[in-house]
C-alpha atoms as a PDB file:
ATOM      1  CA  UNK A   1     132.005 -66.397  83.985  1.00  0.00           C
ATOM      2  CA  UNK A   2     130.266 -68.845  86.579  1.00  0.00           C
ATOM      3  CA  UNK A   3     132.309 -70.572  89.102  1.00  0.00           C
ATOM      4  CA  UNK A   4     131.793 -74.175  89.988  1.00  0.00           C
ATOM      5  CA  UNK A   5     132.634 -75.012  93.515  1.00  0.00           C
ATOM      6  CA  UNK A   6     133.809 -78.526  94.477  1.00  0.00           C
ATOM      7  CA  UNK A   7     131.265 -80.829  96.286  1.00  0.00           C
ATOM      8  CA  UNK A   8     133.100 -83.574  96.925  1.00  0.00           C
ATOM      9  CA  UNK A   9     134.798 -83.704 100.280  1.00  0.00           C
ATOM     10  CA  UNK A  10     137.495 -86.596 101.408  1.00  0.00           C
ATOM     11  CA  UNK A  11     137.174 -86.733 105.429  1.00  0.00           C
ATOM     12  CA  UNK A  12     141.347 -87.913 106.779  1.00  0.00           C
ATOM     13  CA  UNK A  13     141.408 -89.874 109.744  1.00  0.00           C
ATOM     14  CA  UNK A  14     144.405 -89.551 111.987  1.00  0.00           C
ATOM     15  CA  UNK A  15     146.293 -91.612 114.180  1.00  0.00           C
ATOM     16  CA  UNK A  16     145.226 -94.387 116.684  1.00  0.00           C
ATOM     17  CA  UNK A  17     141.430 -94.613 116.280  1.00  0.00           C
ATOM     18  CA  UNK A  18     139.115 -95.453 113.607  1.00  0.00           C
ATOM     19  CA  UNK A  19     137.598 -94.216 110.722  1.00  0.00           C
ATOM     20  CA  UNK A  20     134.416 -94.953 111.236  1.00  0.00           C
ATOM     21  CA  UNK A  21     134.837 -92.035 113.812  1.00  0.00           C
ATOM     22  CA  UNK A  22     133.411 -89.660 110.837  1.00  0.00           C
ATOM     23  CA  UNK A  23     129.887 -90.997 110.765  1.00  0.00           C
ATOM     24  CA  UNK A  24     128.056 -88.283 111.668  1.00  0.00           C
ATOM     25  CA  UNK A  25     130.531 -85.834 109.778  1.00  0.00           C
ATOM     26  CA  UNK A  26     129.664 -87.664 106.722  1.00  0.00           C
ATOM     27  CA  UNK A  27     126.110 -87.594 106.860  1.00  0.00           C
ATOM     28  CA  UNK A  28     126.438 -84.172 108.077  1.00  0.00           C
ATOM     29  CA  UNK A  29     127.881 -82.974 105.023  1.00  0.00           C
ATOM     30  CA  UNK A  30     125.657 -85.339 102.533  1.00  0.00           C
ATOM     31  CA  UNK A  31     122.310 -83.743 103.800  1.00  0.00           C
ATOM     32  CA  UNK A  32     123.840 -80.316 103.205  1.00  0.00           C
ATOM     33  CA  UNK A  33     124.699 -81.514  99.183  1.00  0.00           C
ATOM     34  CA  UNK A  34     128.124 -82.736  99.414  1.00  0.00           C
ATOM     35  CA  UNK A  35     129.592 -86.226  98.137  1.00  0.00           C
ATOM     36  CA  UNK A  36     131.653 -87.478 100.730  1.00  0.00           C
ATOM     37  CA  UNK A  37     134.531 -90.191 100.691  1.00  0.00           C
ATOM     38  CA  UNK A  38     135.693 -91.701 103.846  1.00  0.00           C
ATOM     39  CA  UNK A  39     138.775 -94.350 103.470  1.00  0.00           C
ATOM     40  CA  UNK A  40     139.542 -96.444 105.768  1.00  0.00           C
ATOM     41  CA  UNK A  41     143.339 -96.086 106.158  1.00  0.00           C
ATOM     42  CA  UNK A  42     145.781 -99.037 104.796  1.00  0.00           C
ATOM     43  CA  UNK A  43     144.801-102.161 106.925  1.00  0.00           C
ATOM     44  CA  UNK A  44     142.481-100.155 109.186  1.00  0.00           C
ATOM     45  CA  UNK A  45     138.878-101.522 107.418  1.00  0.00           C
ATOM     46  CA  UNK A  46     137.577-103.487 110.371  1.00  0.00           C
ATOM     47  CA  UNK A  47     136.191-101.819 113.296  1.00  0.00           C
ATOM     48  CA  UNK A  48     137.884-100.831 116.299  1.00  0.00           C
ATOM     49  CA  UNK A  49     137.826-103.913 118.476  1.00  0.00           C
ATOM     50  CA  UNK A  50     138.503-106.523 115.708  1.00  0.00           C
ATOM     51  CA  UNK A  51     141.612-104.408 115.271  1.00  0.00           C
ATOM     52  CA  UNK A  52     143.065-104.163 118.910  1.00  0.00           C
ATOM     53  CA  UNK A  53     142.034-108.248 118.766  1.00  0.00           C
ATOM     54  CA  UNK A  54     144.864-108.120 116.010  1.00  0.00           C
ATOM     55  CA  UNK A  55     147.596-106.473 117.858  1.00  0.00           C
ATOM     56  CA  UNK A  56     150.447-106.896 116.990  1.00  0.00           C
ATOM     57  CA  UNK A  57     149.595-106.129 113.599  1.00  0.00           C
ATOM     58  CA  UNK A  58     152.267-106.677 111.159  1.00  0.00           C
ATOM     59  CA  UNK A  59     150.224-104.970 108.265  1.00  0.00           C
ATOM     60  CA  UNK A  60     149.631-101.696 109.961  1.00  0.00           C
ATOM     61  CA  UNK A  61     153.492-101.664 112.023  1.00  0.00           C
ATOM     62  CA  UNK A  62     154.652-101.278 108.225  1.00  0.00           C
ATOM     63  CA  UNK A  63     152.764 -98.439 107.364  1.00  0.00           C
ATOM     64  CA  UNK A  64     154.993 -95.848 106.559  1.00  0.00           C
ATOM     65  CA  UNK A  65     153.759 -92.044 105.379  1.00  0.00           C
ATOM     66  CA  UNK A  66     155.257 -92.234 102.414  1.00  0.00           C
ATOM     67  CA  UNK A  67     152.648 -95.061 101.690  1.00  0.00           C
ATOM     68  CA  UNK A  68     150.170 -93.409 103.669  1.00  0.00           C
ATOM     69  CA  UNK A  69     150.039 -90.092 100.903  1.00  0.00           C
ATOM     70  CA  UNK A  70     150.290 -92.253  97.870  1.00  0.00           C
ATOM     71  CA  UNK A  71     147.220 -94.240  99.068  1.00  0.00           C
ATOM     72  CA  UNK A  72     145.126 -90.971  99.506  1.00  0.00           C
ATOM     73  CA  UNK A  73     146.993 -89.967  96.552  1.00  0.00           C
ATOM     74  CA  UNK A  74     145.646 -92.901  94.464  1.00  0.00           C
ATOM     75  CA  UNK A  75     141.923 -92.403  95.476  1.00  0.00           C
ATOM     76  CA  UNK A  76     142.016 -88.417  95.122  1.00  0.00           C
ATOM     77  CA  UNK A  77     142.674 -88.536  91.460  1.00  0.00           C
ATOM     78  CA  UNK A  78     140.055 -91.458  90.575  1.00  0.00           C
ATOM     79  CA  UNK A  79     137.388 -88.540  91.791  1.00  0.00           C
ATOM     80  CA  UNK A  80     135.996 -86.624  88.692  1.00  0.00           C
ATOM     81  CA  UNK A  81     136.784 -83.704  90.761  1.00  0.00           C
ATOM     82  CA  UNK A  82     139.859 -82.499  92.853  1.00  0.00           C
ATOM     83  CA  UNK A  83     138.098 -82.693  96.399  1.00  0.00           C
ATOM     84  CA  UNK A  84     137.670 -80.500  99.747  1.00  0.00           C
ATOM     85  CA  UNK A  85     140.059 -81.979 102.153  1.00  0.00           C
ATOM     86  CA  UNK A  86     139.551 -82.420 105.853  1.00  0.00           C
ATOM     87  CA  UNK A  87     141.925 -83.861 108.098  1.00  0.00           C
ATOM     88  CA  UNK A  88     141.569 -84.089 112.090  1.00  0.00           C
ATOM     89  CA  UNK A  89     144.952 -84.578 113.641  1.00  0.00           C
ATOM     90  CA  UNK A  90     147.701 -86.459 111.553  1.00  0.00           C
ATOM     91  CA  UNK A  91     145.059 -86.285 109.090  1.00  0.00           C
ATOM     92  CA  UNK A  92     145.566 -82.690 109.438  1.00  0.00           C
ATOM     93  CA  UNK A  93     149.360 -83.088 108.037  1.00  0.00           C
ATOM     94  CA  UNK A  94     147.911 -85.439 105.535  1.00  0.00           C
ATOM     95  CA  UNK A  95     145.873 -82.571 103.933  1.00  0.00           C
ATOM     96  CA  UNK A  96     148.399 -79.683 104.653  1.00  0.00           C
ATOM     97  CA  UNK A  97     151.044 -82.434 102.854  1.00  0.00           C
ATOM     98  CA  UNK A  98     148.296 -83.532  99.942  1.00  0.00           C
ATOM     99  CA  UNK A  99     147.688 -79.877  99.138  1.00  0.00           C
ATOM    100  CA  UNK A 100     151.237 -79.232  98.873  1.00  0.00           C
ATOM    101  CA  UNK A 101     150.819 -82.011  96.043  1.00  0.00           C
ATOM    102  CA  UNK A 102     148.189 -79.692  94.180  1.00  0.00           C
ATOM    103  CA  UNK A 103     145.504 -82.563  95.130  1.00  0.00           C
ATOM    104  CA  UNK A 104     143.070 -80.345  97.035  1.00  0.00           C
ATOM    105  CA  UNK A 105     140.860 -77.171  95.835  1.00  0.00           C
ATOM    106  CA  UNK A 106     140.953 -76.181  99.955  1.00  0.00           C
ATOM    107  CA  UNK A 107     141.870 -78.250 102.840  1.00  0.00           C
ATOM    108  CA  UNK A 108     140.813 -78.206 106.679  1.00  0.00           C
ATOM    109  CA  UNK A 109     143.062 -78.938 109.452  1.00  0.00           C
ATOM    110  CA  UNK A 110     141.608 -79.946 112.549  1.00  0.00           C
ATOM    111  CA  UNK A 111     143.223 -80.279 115.790  1.00  0.00           C
ATOM    112  CA  UNK A 112     146.229 -81.237 113.323  1.00  0.00           C
ATOM    113  CA  UNK A 113     149.457 -82.597 113.566  1.00  0.00           C
ATOM    114  CA  UNK A 114     152.125 -80.082 112.472  1.00  0.00           C
ATOM    115  CA  UNK A 115     154.610 -80.466 109.976  1.00  0.00           C
ATOM    116  CA  UNK A 116     158.191 -81.779 110.241  1.00  0.00           C
ATOM    117  CA  UNK A 117     160.194 -78.766 111.949  1.00  0.00           C
ATOM    118  CA  UNK A 118     157.436 -77.173 113.686  1.00  0.00           C
ATOM    119  CA  UNK A 119     157.024 -78.511 117.412  1.00  0.00           C
ATOM    120  CA  UNK A 120     155.483 -77.533 120.912  1.00  0.00           C
ATOM    121  CA  UNK A 121     157.493 -77.616 124.028  1.00  0.00           C
ATOM    122  CA  UNK A 122     154.030 -78.144 125.832  1.00  0.00           C
ATOM    123  CA  UNK A 123     154.349 -80.608 128.622  1.00  0.00           C
ATOM    124  CA  UNK A 124     150.781 -82.167 127.591  1.00  0.00           C
ATOM    125  CA  UNK A 125     152.092 -82.564 124.011  1.00  0.00           C
ATOM    126  CA  UNK A 126     155.715 -84.113 125.000  1.00  0.00           C
ATOM    127  CA  UNK A 127     153.125 -86.548 127.619  1.00  0.00           C
ATOM    128  CA  UNK A 128     151.104 -87.125 124.686  1.00  0.00           C
ATOM    129  CA  UNK A 129     153.661 -87.961 122.175  1.00  0.00           C
ATOM    130  CA  UNK A 130     155.913 -89.766 123.717  1.00  0.00           C
ATOM    131  CA  UNK A 131     154.776 -93.508 124.206  1.00  0.00           C
ATOM    132  CA  UNK A 132     153.330 -93.253 120.542  1.00  0.00           C
ATOM    133  CA  UNK A 133     157.270 -92.594 119.295  1.00  0.00           C
ATOM    134  CA  UNK A 134     158.686 -95.348 121.690  1.00  0.00           C
ATOM    135  CA  UNK A 135     162.066 -94.377 120.305  1.00  0.00           C
ATOM    136  CA  UNK A 136     163.565 -97.805 121.915  1.00  0.00           C
ATOM    137  CA  UNK A 137     161.143-100.093 121.134  1.00  0.00           C
ATOM    138  CA  UNK A 138     160.342-102.069 117.779  1.00  0.00           C
ATOM    139  CA  UNK A 139     158.793-100.618 114.840  1.00  0.00           C
ATOM    140  CA  UNK A 140     157.555-104.427 113.639  1.00  0.00           C
ATOM    141  CA  UNK A 141     155.208-103.940 116.065  1.00  0.00           C
ATOM    142  CA  UNK A 142     152.131-101.834 116.593  1.00  0.00           C
ATOM    143  CA  UNK A 143     151.567 -99.162 119.415  1.00  0.00           C
ATOM    144  CA  UNK A 144     148.270 -99.862 121.089  1.00  0.00           C
ATOM    145  CA  UNK A 145     146.833 -96.410 123.704  1.00  0.00           C
ATOM    146  CA  UNK A 146     146.393 -97.732 127.022  1.00  0.00           C
ATOM    147  CA  UNK A 147     142.633 -96.645 128.540  1.00  0.00           C
ATOM    148  CA  UNK A 148     144.888 -94.088 131.083  1.00  0.00           C
ATOM    149  CA  UNK A 149     146.591 -92.705 128.232  1.00  0.00           C
ATOM    150  CA  UNK A 150     143.338 -92.232 125.816  1.00  0.00           C
ATOM    151  CA  UNK A 151     141.935 -90.558 129.141  1.00  0.00           C
ATOM    152  CA  UNK A 152     144.664 -87.789 129.074  1.00  0.00           C
ATOM    153  CA  UNK A 153     145.523 -87.591 125.583  1.00  0.00           C
ATOM    154  CA  UNK A 154     142.031 -87.333 123.358  1.00  0.00           C
ATOM    155  CA  UNK A 155     139.298 -87.125 126.257  1.00  0.00           C
ATOM    156  CA  UNK A 156     140.241 -85.024 129.641  1.00  0.00           C
ATOM    157  CA  UNK A 157     137.284 -82.903 130.640  1.00  0.00           C
ATOM    158  CA  UNK A 158     134.900 -86.153 129.901  1.00  0.00           C
ATOM    159  CA  UNK A 159     132.912 -88.546 132.171  1.00  0.00           C
ATOM    160  CA  UNK A 160     134.651 -91.699 132.786  1.00  0.00           C
ATOM    161  CA  UNK A 161     131.802 -93.352 131.150  1.00  0.00           C
ATOM    162  CA  UNK A 162     132.330 -91.514 127.774  1.00  0.00           C
ATOM    163  CA  UNK A 163     135.755 -92.081 128.137  1.00  0.00           C
ATOM    164  CA  UNK A 164     135.811 -95.684 128.277  1.00  0.00           C
ATOM    165  CA  UNK A 165     132.630 -95.620 125.350  1.00  0.00           C
ATOM    166  CA  UNK A 166     134.876 -93.652 122.957  1.00  0.00           C
ATOM    167  CA  UNK A 167     137.802 -96.087 123.821  1.00  0.00           C
ATOM    168  CA  UNK A 168     135.575 -99.362 122.713  1.00  0.00           C
ATOM    169  CA  UNK A 169     134.238 -97.834 119.794  1.00  0.00           C
ATOM    170  CA  UNK A 170     137.395 -95.605 118.625  1.00  0.00           C
ATOM    171  CA  UNK A 171     140.886 -97.194 119.665  1.00  0.00           C
ATOM    172  CA  UNK A 172     143.176 -99.162 117.500  1.00  0.00           C
ATOM    173  CA  UNK A 173     146.460-100.286 117.052  1.00  0.00           C
ATOM    174  CA  UNK A 174     149.135 -97.748 115.166  1.00  0.00           C
ATOM    175  CA  UNK A 175     152.516 -97.635 112.762  1.00  0.00           C
ATOM    176  CA  UNK A 176     155.164 -96.235 114.840  1.00  0.00           C
ATOM    177  CA  UNK A 177     156.748 -96.098 111.872  1.00  0.00           C
ATOM    178  CA  UNK A 178     154.107 -93.238 110.432  1.00  0.00           C
ATOM    179  CA  UNK A 179     154.296 -91.537 113.872  1.00  0.00           C
ATOM    180  CA  UNK A 180     158.448 -91.382 113.209  1.00  0.00           C
ATOM    181  CA  UNK A 181     157.579 -90.508 109.894  1.00  0.00           C
ATOM    182  CA  UNK A 182     156.277 -87.032 111.057  1.00  0.00           C
ATOM    183  CA  UNK A 183     159.311 -85.819 112.735  1.00  0.00           C
ATOM    184  CA  UNK A 184     161.699 -86.679 108.753  1.00  0.00           C
ATOM    185  CA  UNK A 185     161.821 -84.763 105.440  1.00  0.00           C
ATOM    186  CA  UNK A 186     158.790 -86.606 103.819  1.00  0.00           C
ATOM    187  CA  UNK A 187     156.247 -84.718 106.229  1.00  0.00           C
ATOM    188  CA  UNK A 188     158.083 -81.064 105.700  1.00  0.00           C
ATOM    189  CA  UNK A 189     155.756 -78.265 104.468  1.00  0.00           C
ATOM    190  CA  UNK A 190     157.395 -75.443 102.113  1.00  0.00           C
ATOM    191  CA  UNK A 191     155.648 -73.180 103.985  1.00  0.00           C
ATOM    192  CA  UNK A 192     156.750 -70.281 101.062  1.00  0.00           C
ATOM    193  CA  UNK A 193     154.758 -71.764  97.927  1.00  0.00           C
ATOM    194  CA  UNK A 194     151.096 -70.961  96.924  1.00  0.00           C
ATOM    195  CA  UNK A 195     148.462 -72.346  97.882  1.00  0.00           C
ATOM    196  CA  UNK A 196     144.470 -73.358  97.987  1.00  0.00           C
ATOM    197  CA  UNK A 197     142.655 -72.096 101.218  1.00  0.00           C
ATOM    198  CA  UNK A 198     143.468 -73.284 104.423  1.00  0.00           C
ATOM    199  CA  UNK A 199     141.813 -73.179 107.817  1.00  0.00           C
ATOM    200  CA  UNK A 200     143.115 -74.789 111.182  1.00  0.00           C
ATOM    201  CA  UNK A 201     140.851 -75.277 113.641  1.00  0.00           C
ATOM    202  CA  UNK A 202     141.858 -75.961 117.241  1.00  0.00           C
ATOM    203  CA  UNK A 203     140.877 -76.459 120.924  1.00  0.00           C
ATOM    204  CA  UNK A 204     141.876 -74.745 124.101  1.00  0.00           C
ATOM    205  CA  UNK A 205     142.084 -77.558 126.312  1.00  0.00           C
ATOM    206  CA  UNK A 206     143.495 -80.611 123.571  1.00  0.00           C
ATOM    207  CA  UNK A 207     146.580 -81.898 124.735  1.00  0.00           C
ATOM    208  CA  UNK A 208     148.382 -84.009 122.472  1.00  0.00           C
ATOM    209  CA  UNK A 209     147.840 -81.167 119.749  1.00  0.00           C
ATOM    210  CA  UNK A 210     147.571 -77.988 121.764  1.00  0.00           C
ATOM    211  CA  UNK A 211     145.981 -74.786 120.310  1.00  0.00           C
ATOM    212  CA  UNK A 212     149.196 -73.199 120.477  1.00  0.00           C
ATOM    213  CA  UNK A 213     150.821 -75.584 118.412  1.00  0.00           C
ATOM    214  CA  UNK A 214     147.914 -75.592 115.901  1.00  0.00           C
ATOM    215  CA  UNK A 215     148.495 -71.750 115.850  1.00  0.00           C
ATOM    216  CA  UNK A 216     152.176 -72.162 115.345  1.00  0.00           C
ATOM    217  CA  UNK A 217     151.421 -74.214 112.346  1.00  0.00           C
ATOM    218  CA  UNK A 218     149.096 -71.370 111.021  1.00  0.00           C
ATOM    219  CA  UNK A 219     151.325 -68.609 111.391  1.00  0.00           C
ATOM    220  CA  UNK A 220     154.185 -70.459 109.230  1.00  0.00           C
ATOM    221  CA  UNK A 221     152.426 -70.493 105.934  1.00  0.00           C
ATOM    222  CA  UNK A 222     153.670 -67.053 104.570  1.00  0.00           C
ATOM    223  CA  UNK A 223     152.150 -66.411 101.017  1.00  0.00           C
ATOM    224  CA  UNK A 224     150.585 -63.439 101.055  1.00  0.00           C
ATOM    225  CA  UNK A 225     148.275 -64.146  98.049  1.00  0.00           C
ATOM    226  CA  UNK A 226     147.385 -67.461  99.868  1.00  0.00           C
ATOM    227  CA  UNK A 227     144.329 -67.769 102.249  1.00  0.00           C
ATOM    228  CA  UNK A 228     145.053 -69.012 105.439  1.00  0.00           C
ATOM    229  CA  UNK A 229     142.649 -69.025 108.168  1.00  0.00           C
ATOM    230  CA  UNK A 230     142.641 -70.046 111.785  1.00  0.00           C
ATOM    231  CA  UNK A 231     139.821 -70.743 114.560  1.00  0.00           C
ATOM    232  CA  UNK A 232     140.024 -71.993 118.491  1.00  0.00           C
ATOM    233  CA  UNK A 233     137.193 -73.337 119.865  1.00  0.00           C
ATOM    234  CA  UNK A 234     136.593 -73.230 123.906  1.00  0.00           C
ATOM    235  CA  UNK A 235     136.423 -76.733 125.981  1.00  0.00           C
ATOM    236  CA  UNK A 236     137.399 -79.057 123.118  1.00  0.00           C
ATOM    237  CA  UNK A 237     140.048 -81.976 123.820  1.00  0.00           C
ATOM    238  CA  UNK A 238     141.388 -83.592 120.862  1.00  0.00           C
ATOM    239  CA  UNK A 239     137.838 -86.054 120.466  1.00  0.00           C
ATOM    240  CA  UNK A 240     136.695 -82.621 119.372  1.00  0.00           C
ATOM    241  CA  UNK A 241     134.771 -84.021 116.554  1.00  0.00           C
ATOM    242  CA  UNK A 242     132.880 -86.455 118.400  1.00  0.00           C
ATOM    243  CA  UNK A 243     132.316 -84.141 121.722  1.00  0.00           C
ATOM    244  CA  UNK A 244     128.471 -83.192 122.068  1.00  0.00           C
ATOM    245  CA  UNK A 245     129.756 -79.571 120.440  1.00  0.00           C
ATOM    246  CA  UNK A 246     130.794 -80.815 117.213  1.00  0.00           C
ATOM    247  CA  UNK A 247     127.664 -79.772 115.633  1.00  0.00           C
ATOM    248  CA  UNK A 248     129.255 -76.129 116.389  1.00  0.00           C
ATOM    249  CA  UNK A 249     132.450 -76.869 114.740  1.00  0.00           C
ATOM    250  CA  UNK A 250     131.523 -78.359 111.588  1.00  0.00           C
ATOM    251  CA  UNK A 251     128.774 -75.580 110.862  1.00  0.00           C
ATOM    252  CA  UNK A 252     131.631 -73.224 111.084  1.00  0.00           C
ATOM    253  CA  UNK A 253     133.631 -75.579 108.894  1.00  0.00           C
ATOM    254  CA  UNK A 254     130.848 -75.523 106.533  1.00  0.00           C
ATOM    255  CA  UNK A 255     130.339 -71.731 106.229  1.00  0.00           C
ATOM    256  CA  UNK A 256     134.044 -71.486 105.939  1.00  0.00           C
ATOM    257  CA  UNK A 257     133.537 -73.676 102.295  1.00  0.00           C
ATOM    258  CA  UNK A 258     130.765 -72.514 100.967  1.00  0.00           C
ATOM    259  CA  UNK A 259     132.317 -68.796 101.545  1.00  0.00           C
ATOM    260  CA  UNK A 260     135.803 -69.565  99.552  1.00  0.00           C
END
């Protein structure tokens, strides 16, 4: 019997950045025969400069992980087929949680946030995530990453001009509730359950989601009959999807999808 492979991809955006960052990826996959859905995320439809002007944004500030998962589930269940999920950063965690709900045919976790209980004690990780968690800050107001922190957390190794341009195009206010939910039970994964194929892709100079954390996340999956694979690229920071090397990354991902 002929196996019909899925031709729908849902791209899931991470925290702190606009969904517009997927534009080149959407075009690439469409040119390779896929239907590509790029949801904005709740309350994040406007361009990044507009969203920054709205900071502090009460609507975004109220967003929780439960709401975000239900948002994507509602989109996915209205599609004609179960899609392939590709998530960057927090979107990688969302991908893992949606796979756990049985909503995908395969998942790609690209520089992924790890599920609750999977931590890193690397200094770059702690330095990067602490301001967004804002333990003593109100959850009624959004967090907006400073340019200085953007330079360290997302765009280390890039030129000043490219860092400034990427900040202007990409950075948006984020929910502290959502950030803290990443540490709570809503964000737990049962690593012993069977699952559809999962690919973890990391970068060796990523400060906020170090390759070591992605590798730990990958190794947590225990079901022996389920496919779980890992790939680390050299010279990739957390803004990897828009670095000049993005085509090497996406071609690797495309080939992995085609081989499943």
